[in-house]
Amino acid sequence: MCTKAQEYLRQLIEIDGDIQNMLAEAQRWRMIAQGSTAGNQMVKINGIEHAMDRVQTSGSQQRMADAVCEYIDIESDIKEELLKLQNKRREIIEVIKLVPYQKRNVLHKRYVQNKSFDEISLLCDKSRSWVTTIHGRALQDVQTILNERERNEQC
């Protein structure tokens, strides 16, 4: 069963995925606008490799001009959306920072670094059971913080 705290923290994983997708899309349009060829080429964006579509440089000038205009529009939209996602990401990480260190460490590894409980147990040199127990306690702390914020917003 997923708690509100887990749903809140899991947004980090979705946000990171959305950011990666937007950066890949921006890179794709940038390459099209520049008239680069990218067939079967791998491009690394933030440490993740993405396969790029082939772009023909011998296409019509109009198609290239359209691509440049599209790139400019998309780049602007992406920058605006990225700013929103980065702000939300910062907000969630600030909540994690309010939790005591041991619990914060587990939450950070789980939601910011997207590590499994087994990976966390190896990194912390603790048992998986210890990690899941600390994780549960940390989620209770996050839920308390979220409840307090909700109460403050209602006043």
Protein backbone atom coordinates (compact mmCIF):
# COMPACT_ATOMS: atom_id res chain seq x y z
CA MET A 1 0.00 0.00 0.00
CA CYS A 2 1.32 3.38 -1.00
CA THR A 3 1.18 6.20 1.53
CA LYS A 4 0.82 9.89 0.72
CA ALA A 5 4.45 10.33 1.76
CA GLN A 6 5.60 7.65 -0.70
CA GLU A 7 3.53 9.14 -3.50
CA TYR A 8 4.98 12.55 -2.71
CA LEU A 9 8.58 11.27 -2.74
CA ARG A 10 8.08 9.09 -5.83
CA GLN A 11 7.42 12.28 -7.76
CA LEU A 12 11.22 12.71 -7.77
CA ILE A 13 11.65 9.62 -9.93
CA GLU A 14 8.96 10.80 -12.34
CA ILE A 15 10.38 14.32 -12.42
CA ASP A 16 13.86 13.00 -13.22
CA GLY A 17 12.40 10.90 -16.04
CA ASP A 18 10.46 13.86 -17.41
CA ILE A 19 13.57 16.05 -17.29
CA GLN A 20 15.61 13.43 -19.18
CA ASN A 21 12.89 13.11 -21.82
CA MET A 22 12.68 16.88 -22.30
CA LEU A 23 16.44 17.23 -22.59
CA ALA A 24 16.50 14.44 -25.18
CA GLU A 25 13.71 16.13 -27.13
CA ALA A 26 15.52 19.47 -27.04
CA GLN A 27 18.72 17.78 -28.23
CA ARG A 28 16.83 16.07 -31.07
CA TRP A 29 15.33 19.35 -32.28
CA ARG A 30 18.66 21.13 -31.87
CA MET A 31 20.29 18.58 -34.15
CA ILE A 32 17.50 18.87 -36.71
CA ALA A 33 17.74 22.66 -36.64
CA GLN A 34 21.51 22.48 -37.12
CA GLY A 35 21.09 20.09 -40.04
CA SER A 36 23.20 17.43 -38.36
CA THR A 37 23.04 13.80 -39.30
CA ALA A 38 22.31 11.51 -36.43
CA GLY A 39 21.22 8.19 -37.87
CA ASN A 40 21.99 5.36 -35.49
CA GLN A 41 24.10 7.78 -33.47
CA MET A 42 24.11 7.68 -29.70
CA VAL A 43 24.05 11.02 -27.90
CA LYS A 44 24.83 11.26 -24.19
CA ILE A 45 22.58 13.63 -22.22
CA ASN A 46 23.18 13.88 -18.48
CA GLY A 47 25.02 10.57 -18.51
CA ILE A 48 22.25 8.68 -20.35
CA GLU A 49 22.70 7.61 -23.95
CA HIS A 50 19.83 8.23 -26.38
CA ALA A 51 19.50 6.89 -29.92
CA MET A 52 18.92 9.75 -32.33
CA ASP A 53 16.85 9.70 -35.53
CA ARG A 54 18.61 10.23 -38.86
CA VAL A 55 18.30 13.76 -40.13
CA GLN A 56 18.87 14.36 -43.83
CA THR A 57 20.86 17.49 -44.68
CA SER A 58 19.87 17.32 -48.33
CA GLY A 59 16.19 18.03 -47.53
CA SER A 60 14.41 21.16 -48.62
CA GLN A 61 15.41 24.54 -47.23
CA GLN A 62 11.82 25.06 -46.10
CA ARG A 63 11.90 21.87 -44.07
CA MET A 64 15.08 23.06 -42.38
CA ALA A 65 13.56 26.50 -41.69
CA ASP A 66 10.48 24.81 -40.24
CA ALA A 67 12.70 22.69 -38.03
CA VAL A 68 14.54 25.77 -36.75
CA CYS A 69 11.25 27.50 -35.91
CA GLU A 70 9.96 24.34 -34.23
CA TYR A 71 13.19 24.05 -32.27
CA ILE A 72 12.93 27.65 -31.02
CA ASP A 73 9.32 27.11 -29.89
CA ILE A 74 10.06 23.77 -28.26
CA GLU A 75 13.22 25.05 -26.59
CA SER A 76 11.23 27.85 -24.96
CA ASP A 77 8.49 25.46 -23.81
CA ILE A 78 11.03 22.99 -22.50
CA LYS A 79 12.93 25.65 -20.53
CA GLU A 80 9.69 26.78 -18.89
CA GLU A 81 8.63 23.23 -18.03
CA LEU A 82 12.12 22.30 -16.81
CA LEU A 83 12.07 25.25 -14.42
CA LYS A 84 8.76 24.06 -12.95
CA LEU A 85 10.06 20.49 -12.59
CA GLN A 86 13.34 21.61 -11.02
CA ASN A 87 11.46 23.79 -8.52
CA LYS A 88 9.20 20.88 -7.55
CA ARG A 89 12.25 18.64 -7.25
CA ARG A 90 13.96 21.16 -4.94
CA GLU A 91 10.79 21.42 -2.84
CA ILE A 92 10.66 17.65 -2.30
CA ILE A 93 14.36 17.46 -1.47
CA GLU A 94 13.89 20.26 1.07
CA VAL A 95 11.27 18.09 2.80
CA ILE A 96 13.72 15.18 2.87
CA LYS A 97 16.31 17.49 4.48
CA LEU A 98 13.93 18.05 7.40
CA VAL A 99 14.17 14.37 8.39
CA PRO A 100 16.93 13.22 10.83
CA TYR A 101 20.17 12.17 9.11
CA GLN A 102 19.94 8.37 9.21
CA LYS A 103 16.41 8.42 7.80
CA ARG A 104 17.25 11.25 5.39
CA ASN A 105 20.17 9.21 4.05
CA VAL A 106 17.88 6.27 3.24
CA LEU A 107 15.24 8.53 1.65
CA HIS A 108 17.85 10.31 -0.45
CA LYS A 109 19.29 7.07 -1.75
CA ARG A 110 15.83 5.62 -2.41
CA TYR A 111 14.09 8.56 -4.08
CA VAL A 112 16.78 10.99 -5.27
CA GLN A 113 19.32 8.38 -6.36
CA ASN A 114 16.62 5.81 -7.25
CA LYS A 115 18.41 2.95 -5.46
CA SER A 116 16.77 -0.33 -4.48
CA PHE A 117 16.57 -1.42 -0.85
CA ASP A 118 19.24 -4.04 -1.59
CA GLU A 119 21.58 -1.41 -3.03
CA ILE A 120 20.97 0.86 -0.04
CA SER A 121 21.71 -1.96 2.39
CA LEU A 122 25.06 -2.57 0.65
CA LEU A 123 25.91 1.14 0.62
CA CYS A 124 25.00 1.55 4.30
CA ASP A 125 26.52 -1.80 5.30
CA LYS A 126 23.22 -2.71 6.97
CA SER A 127 20.66 -5.46 6.46
CA ARG A 128 17.78 -5.05 4.03
CA SER A 129 15.44 -5.35 7.02
CA TRP A 130 17.19 -2.43 8.74
CA VAL A 131 16.87 -0.33 5.59
CA THR A 132 13.16 -1.06 5.16
CA THR A 133 12.52 -0.32 8.84
CA ILE A 134 14.36 3.02 8.66
CA HIS A 135 12.56 3.75 5.38
CA GLY A 136 9.18 3.16 7.05
CA ARG A 137 10.08 5.42 9.94
CA ALA A 138 11.35 8.08 7.55
CA LEU A 139 8.07 7.94 5.61
CA GLN A 140 6.22 8.55 8.88
CA ASP A 141 8.39 11.64 9.44
CA VAL A 142 7.68 12.89 5.92
CA GLN A 143 3.96 12.29 6.42
CA THR A 144 4.09 14.32 9.64
CA ILE A 145 5.83 17.16 7.78
CA LEU A 146 3.26 17.04 4.97
CA ASN A 147 0.37 17.01 7.45
CA GLU A 148 1.84 19.99 9.28
CA ARG A 149 2.24 21.91 6.03
CA GLU A 150 -1.34 21.10 5.08
CA ARG A 151 -2.59 22.36 8.45
CA ASN A 152 -0.58 25.58 8.07
CA GLU A 153 -1.98 26.16 4.56
CA GLN A 154 -5.55 25.81 5.88
CA CYS A 155 -5.04 28.54 8.47
